[in-house]
Amino acid sequence: MADILHPFGDLDVLSYYSKVAPRLTKFLKGREIAAKVLIPNFRPLLNRGSQLPMLTPEELSKVDDSFLKMRSGGTKLEAAREKLTPLQEKIWKYFPPRKLADLFYATNGEKGKKLGRIFFDIDRGEGVNAEDAQKAAALLLEEMRKDEELNSLLDFKFFIMYTGNSFHIYLMLKKEVDASFYEEHLAYSKNSPLASLTGKWVENVKKKGMKISGGHEKLKGSIILDPSQTPPGKLARSPFSLHMSDPKTVDGVAIPLSEEMLGDENLLKRLRAYTPEKVVEELDSLAKLLP
């Protein structure tokens, strides 16, 4: 039976991503789209703007049923190439049919020397549930909001997102800063944790009874606050991206949130109810939560 991920029988994530793409044009403006393609029994394939021609949400929005039908039935790119436009061939290379793929983007561009947004991944170590991640996100947001040093350095608005598994906190800057700001103020060091804003927030949340660490390394039983995907050349999960537990299973969808939602004790129950179909049905209202 056809559904949004199987428009003509075969799995094709383009059917879904082409429908959410028009609502991402402002959020992803000037930033290269990337796709992490999941391949059974093999490492993920990362297709991105540093390796392929840049792909934009506007281009992704142009996917239509005739293109999706052309990709069905086991058709390979080589066999279809003469029937494709240059844009269709480019999209095909990013999102091969019959494979699940996450929708990512270059946080501050593939190349550059400026930051327009700062991105914190609230990651879950082994044994940590999403409820603890929600609590940690709320506590970290509180620390950031009241941090006088942060607010003296940057003029920003918060943006919160559920990833399908955990949470992201963004600082959406009203004025770009040099990329060196990351190393000077945010990069976490185990040797001198209090030398960065990240480390200071981690220590303050730790005092409130939460097991939390900074950096990129996943630690068993701990929440991890990781800002390392902020610099140019790094990638972040896009709003409305599918989230997969394995190369064959969609287990969530990335959903934009308001700050107030983090305090809702029923939030995760509602977020876990989102399917790709439900996201498309509520896309207009969900898109209003994007900055």
Protein backbone atom coordinates (compact mmCIF):
# COMPACT_ATOMS: atom_id res chain seq x y z
CA MET A 1 0.00 0.00 0.00
CA ALA A 2 1.36 3.44 -0.95
CA ASP A 3 2.24 5.92 1.80
CA ILE A 4 4.34 9.05 1.95
CA LEU A 5 7.61 7.08 2.16
CA HIS A 6 6.49 4.54 -0.48
CA PRO A 7 4.72 6.67 -3.10
CA PHE A 8 4.95 4.07 -5.89
CA GLY A 9 5.62 0.95 -3.87
CA ASP A 10 9.34 1.38 -3.25
CA LEU A 11 10.87 3.34 -0.38
CA ASP A 12 11.67 6.90 -1.45
CA VAL A 13 12.33 9.58 1.19
CA LEU A 14 12.17 12.27 -1.52
CA SER A 15 8.40 11.98 -1.46
CA TYR A 16 8.43 13.26 2.13
CA TYR A 17 11.39 15.68 1.97
CA SER A 18 10.04 17.45 -1.11
CA LYS A 19 6.87 18.27 0.84
CA VAL A 20 8.62 19.74 3.90
CA ALA A 21 11.33 21.53 1.89
CA PRO A 22 9.24 24.65 1.05
CA ARG A 23 8.92 25.38 4.79
CA LEU A 24 12.71 25.20 5.25
CA THR A 25 13.75 27.87 2.75
CA LYS A 26 14.18 30.60 5.37
CA PHE A 27 15.82 28.40 8.01
CA LEU A 28 18.30 26.88 5.54
CA LYS A 29 18.87 29.98 3.40
CA GLY A 30 22.44 30.04 2.08
CA ARG A 31 23.31 26.74 3.75
CA GLU A 32 24.07 23.57 1.86
CA ILE A 33 21.76 20.58 2.29
CA ALA A 34 23.35 17.23 3.14
CA ALA A 35 21.97 13.69 3.23
CA LYS A 36 23.18 10.86 5.45
CA VAL A 37 22.12 7.77 3.54
CA LEU A 38 21.78 4.62 5.64
CA ILE A 39 23.01 1.41 4.03
CA PRO A 40 22.39 -1.99 5.65
CA ASN A 41 25.57 -3.73 6.81
CA PHE A 42 27.71 -0.77 5.78
CA ARG A 43 28.67 2.64 7.05
CA PRO A 44 26.36 5.61 6.21
CA LEU A 45 27.03 7.48 2.98
CA LEU A 46 27.32 11.24 3.53
CA ASN A 47 26.34 13.31 0.49
CA ARG A 48 27.07 16.99 1.01
CA GLY A 49 27.80 20.31 -0.65
CA SER A 50 31.56 20.05 -0.18
CA GLN A 51 31.55 17.00 -2.49
CA LEU A 52 28.56 17.60 -4.78
CA PRO A 53 27.03 20.74 -6.32
CA MET A 54 25.06 22.67 -3.69
CA LEU A 55 21.47 21.53 -3.17
CA THR A 56 18.88 24.00 -1.84
CA PRO A 57 15.41 23.55 -0.30
CA GLU A 58 13.94 25.38 -3.30
CA GLU A 59 15.42 22.73 -5.60
CA LEU A 60 14.28 19.88 -3.39
CA SER A 61 10.74 21.31 -3.52
CA LYS A 62 10.64 20.68 -7.29
CA VAL A 63 10.48 16.90 -6.91
CA ASP A 64 7.22 15.71 -8.51
CA ASP A 65 5.35 12.44 -8.99
CA SER A 66 6.78 11.83 -12.46
CA PHE A 67 10.31 11.95 -11.04
CA LEU A 68 9.37 9.72 -8.10
CA LYS A 69 7.74 7.20 -10.44
CA MET A 70 10.86 7.18 -12.60
CA ARG A 71 12.90 6.18 -9.52
CA SER A 72 10.62 3.25 -8.61
CA GLY A 73 10.76 -0.37 -9.69
CA GLY A 74 14.44 -0.86 -9.02
CA THR A 75 15.58 1.70 -11.60
CA LYS A 76 19.23 2.72 -11.26
CA LEU A 77 20.64 6.16 -11.99
CA GLU A 78 22.67 4.95 -14.95
CA ALA A 79 19.57 3.57 -16.68
CA ALA A 80 17.48 6.70 -16.02
CA ARG A 81 20.15 9.35 -16.66
CA GLU A 82 19.16 10.22 -20.25
CA LYS A 83 15.61 10.96 -19.10
CA LEU A 84 16.64 13.20 -16.20
CA THR A 85 17.17 16.95 -16.04
CA PRO A 86 20.48 18.10 -14.52
CA LEU A 87 18.60 19.04 -11.33
CA GLN A 88 16.94 15.63 -11.07
CA GLU A 89 20.27 13.88 -11.51
CA LYS A 90 21.79 16.04 -8.76
CA ILE A 91 18.92 15.27 -6.37
CA TRP A 92 19.19 11.56 -7.19
CA LYS A 93 22.86 11.60 -6.20
CA TYR A 94 22.01 13.15 -2.83
CA PHE A 95 19.05 10.87 -2.12
CA PRO A 96 19.30 7.49 -3.85
CA PRO A 97 15.98 5.59 -3.99
CA ARG A 98 15.18 2.65 -1.76
CA LYS A 99 17.37 3.98 1.08
CA LEU A 100 16.46 5.81 4.26
CA ALA A 101 18.28 9.13 4.69
CA ASP A 102 18.54 11.84 7.33
CA LEU A 103 18.23 15.45 6.16
CA PHE A 104 21.20 17.50 7.38
CA TYR A 105 22.64 20.89 6.46
CA ALA A 106 25.90 22.79 6.89
CA THR A 107 25.35 24.63 10.19
CA ASN A 108 27.33 27.71 9.15
CA GLY A 109 28.11 26.79 5.57
CA GLU A 110 30.59 24.29 4.18
CA LYS A 111 33.21 27.02 3.96
CA GLY A 112 33.50 30.41 5.60
CA LYS A 113 34.79 32.39 8.55
CA LYS A 114 31.55 33.50 10.21
CA LEU A 115 28.97 32.05 12.59
CA GLY A 116 25.31 32.97 12.17
CA ARG A 117 24.07 30.35 14.61
CA ILE A 118 25.50 28.34 17.48
CA PHE A 119 24.27 24.81 17.91
CA PHE A 120 24.31 22.56 20.98
CA ASP A 121 23.52 18.87 20.67
CA ILE A 122 22.13 17.40 23.88
CA ASP A 123 23.23 13.84 23.27
CA ARG A 124 22.23 10.72 25.20
CA GLY A 125 24.84 8.29 26.44
CA GLU A 126 23.97 4.62 26.79
CA GLY A 127 21.21 4.08 29.35
CA VAL A 128 19.96 7.68 29.34
CA ASN A 129 16.31 8.17 28.43
CA ALA A 130 14.73 10.99 26.47
CA GLU A 131 12.94 12.27 29.58
CA ASP A 132 16.34 13.02 31.14
CA ALA A 133 17.40 14.73 27.92
CA GLN A 134 14.31 16.94 28.09
CA LYS A 135 15.09 17.84 31.71
CA ALA A 136 18.71 18.60 30.81
CA ALA A 137 17.63 20.79 27.90
CA ALA A 138 15.36 22.82 30.17
CA LEU A 139 18.13 23.26 32.78
CA LEU A 140 20.71 24.22 30.17
CA LEU A 141 18.35 26.71 28.59
CA GLU A 142 17.87 28.29 32.02
CA GLU A 143 21.66 28.54 32.51
CA MET A 144 22.16 30.13 29.10
CA ARG A 145 19.31 32.58 29.54
CA LYS A 146 20.71 33.98 32.79
CA ASP A 147 24.42 33.89 31.82
CA GLU A 148 25.61 37.50 31.89
CA GLU A 149 28.82 36.75 30.00
CA LEU A 150 26.96 35.07 27.15
CA ASN A 151 24.43 37.86 26.91
CA SER A 152 27.15 40.50 26.89
CA LEU A 153 28.97 38.75 24.04
CA LEU A 154 26.04 37.91 21.73
CA ASP A 155 22.65 39.21 20.68
CA PHE A 156 20.53 36.16 19.88
CA LYS A 157 17.24 34.31 20.07
CA PHE A 158 16.85 30.71 21.22
CA PHE A 159 15.54 27.97 18.95
CA ILE A 160 14.75 24.52 20.36
CA MET A 161 14.30 21.32 18.38
CA TYR A 162 13.43 17.72 19.13
CA THR A 163 15.65 15.51 16.98
CA GLY A 164 13.47 12.41 17.00
CA ASN A 165 15.64 11.07 19.81
CA SER A 166 16.89 14.01 21.91
CA PHE A 167 17.11 17.81 21.77
CA HIS A 168 19.06 20.64 20.17
CA ILE A 169 19.45 24.18 21.48
CA TYR A 170 20.37 26.94 19.03
CA LEU A 171 21.50 30.48 19.56
CA MET A 172 20.28 32.25 16.42
CA LEU A 173 22.56 35.27 16.18
CA LYS A 174 21.18 38.65 15.15
CA LYS A 175 24.67 39.58 13.95
CA GLU A 176 27.32 37.19 12.67
CA VAL A 177 30.57 36.73 14.61
CA ASP A 178 33.95 35.42 13.57
CA ALA A 179 34.25 31.65 13.54
CA SER A 180 37.06 32.01 16.10
CA PHE A 181 34.32 32.70 18.68
CA TYR A 182 33.74 28.96 18.90
CA GLU A 183 37.28 28.12 20.01
CA GLU A 184 37.52 31.16 22.27
CA HIS A 185 34.27 30.69 24.16
CA LEU A 186 32.51 27.39 23.42
CA ALA A 187 34.93 24.56 22.66
CA TYR A 188 34.95 22.12 25.58
CA SER A 189 38.21 20.80 27.06
CA LYS A 190 38.33 17.94 29.56
CA ASN A 191 41.61 19.37 30.87
CA SER A 192 40.13 22.79 31.63
CA PRO A 193 36.33 22.40 31.60
CA LEU A 194 35.57 25.75 33.22
CA ALA A 195 37.52 27.65 30.58
CA SER A 196 34.49 27.65 28.25
CA LEU A 197 30.88 28.72 28.56
CA THR A 198 29.93 25.15 27.67
CA GLY A 199 31.91 23.76 30.58
CA LYS A 200 30.50 26.32 32.99
CA TRP A 201 26.91 25.41 32.09
CA VAL A 202 27.70 21.71 32.41
CA GLU A 203 29.09 22.20 35.93
CA ASN A 204 26.08 24.27 37.01
CA VAL A 205 23.61 21.66 35.74
CA LYS A 206 25.67 18.92 37.38
CA LYS A 207 25.17 20.67 40.72
CA LYS A 208 21.42 20.27 40.24
CA GLY A 209 21.74 16.50 40.26
CA MET A 210 22.00 15.80 36.55
CA LYS A 211 24.75 13.50 35.29
CA ILE A 212 26.12 15.53 32.39
CA SER A 213 29.42 16.07 30.60
CA GLY A 214 30.71 18.33 27.84
CA GLY A 215 32.36 17.57 24.52
CA HIS A 216 31.72 15.05 21.76
CA GLU A 217 32.54 11.73 23.43
CA LYS A 218 29.51 9.69 24.47
CA LEU A 219 29.71 8.52 28.09
CA LYS A 220 27.58 5.70 29.46
CA GLY A 221 24.82 6.95 31.73
CA SER A 222 25.45 10.62 30.96
CA ILE A 223 23.92 13.48 29.03
CA ILE A 224 26.48 15.14 26.76
CA LEU A 225 26.40 18.84 25.82
CA ASP A 226 28.18 19.03 22.48
CA PRO A 227 28.71 22.31 20.57
CA SER A 228 31.25 20.80 18.15
CA GLN A 229 29.00 20.89 15.08
CA THR A 230 28.87 24.69 15.13
CA PRO A 231 31.94 25.73 13.06
CA PRO A 232 31.84 26.11 9.27
CA GLY A 233 32.18 22.72 7.60
CA LYS A 234 30.14 20.91 10.28
CA LEU A 235 26.62 19.51 9.87
CA ALA A 236 23.38 19.71 11.87
CA ARG A 237 20.13 17.79 11.59
CA SER A 238 17.46 19.80 9.79
CA PRO A 239 14.00 20.41 11.21
CA PHE A 240 11.56 17.80 9.88
CA SER A 241 14.36 15.31 9.19
CA LEU A 242 13.51 11.66 9.63
CA HIS A 243 15.33 9.94 12.48
CA MET A 244 16.33 6.29 12.15
CA SER A 245 17.18 3.64 14.70
CA ASP A 246 18.75 1.50 11.95
CA PRO A 247 18.91 1.49 8.11
CA LYS A 248 15.39 0.04 7.88
CA THR A 249 13.49 1.75 10.70
CA VAL A 250 12.19 5.32 11.09
CA ASP A 251 11.75 5.89 14.83
CA GLY A 252 11.07 9.63 14.97
CA VAL A 253 10.94 12.99 13.22
CA ALA A 254 12.75 16.24 14.07
CA ILE A 255 10.18 18.75 15.34
CA PRO A 256 10.69 22.47 16.11
CA LEU A 257 9.61 23.53 19.60
CA SER A 258 8.92 26.66 21.57
CA GLU A 259 10.95 27.30 24.73
CA GLU A 260 7.84 26.82 26.86
CA MET A 261 7.27 23.31 25.54
CA LEU A 262 10.36 21.99 27.34
CA GLY A 263 8.45 22.27 30.62
CA ASP A 264 5.54 20.12 29.39
CA GLU A 265 5.58 16.73 31.14
CA ASN A 266 3.58 15.23 28.26
CA LEU A 267 5.85 16.64 25.57
CA LEU A 268 7.64 13.41 24.63
CA LYS A 269 4.39 11.49 24.36
CA ARG A 270 3.14 14.01 21.82
CA LEU A 271 6.45 14.16 19.94
CA ARG A 272 6.69 10.39 19.66
CA ALA A 273 3.28 10.35 17.98
CA TYR A 274 4.63 12.22 14.95
CA THR A 275 4.91 10.22 11.77
CA PRO A 276 5.95 11.65 8.40
CA GLU A 277 2.25 11.79 7.44
CA LYS A 278 1.32 13.65 10.65
CA VAL A 279 4.14 16.16 10.09
CA VAL A 280 2.87 16.95 6.58
CA GLU A 281 -0.70 17.28 7.90
CA GLU A 282 0.43 19.80 10.55
CA LEU A 283 3.21 21.40 8.53
CA ASP A 284 1.73 24.89 8.45
CA SER A 285 1.46 25.11 12.25
CA LEU A 286 4.80 23.37 12.90
CA ALA A 287 6.61 25.70 10.51
CA LYS A 288 5.49 28.69 12.59
CA LEU A 289 7.88 27.47 15.32
CA LEU A 290 10.89 27.91 13.02
CA PRO A 291 12.94 31.09 13.47
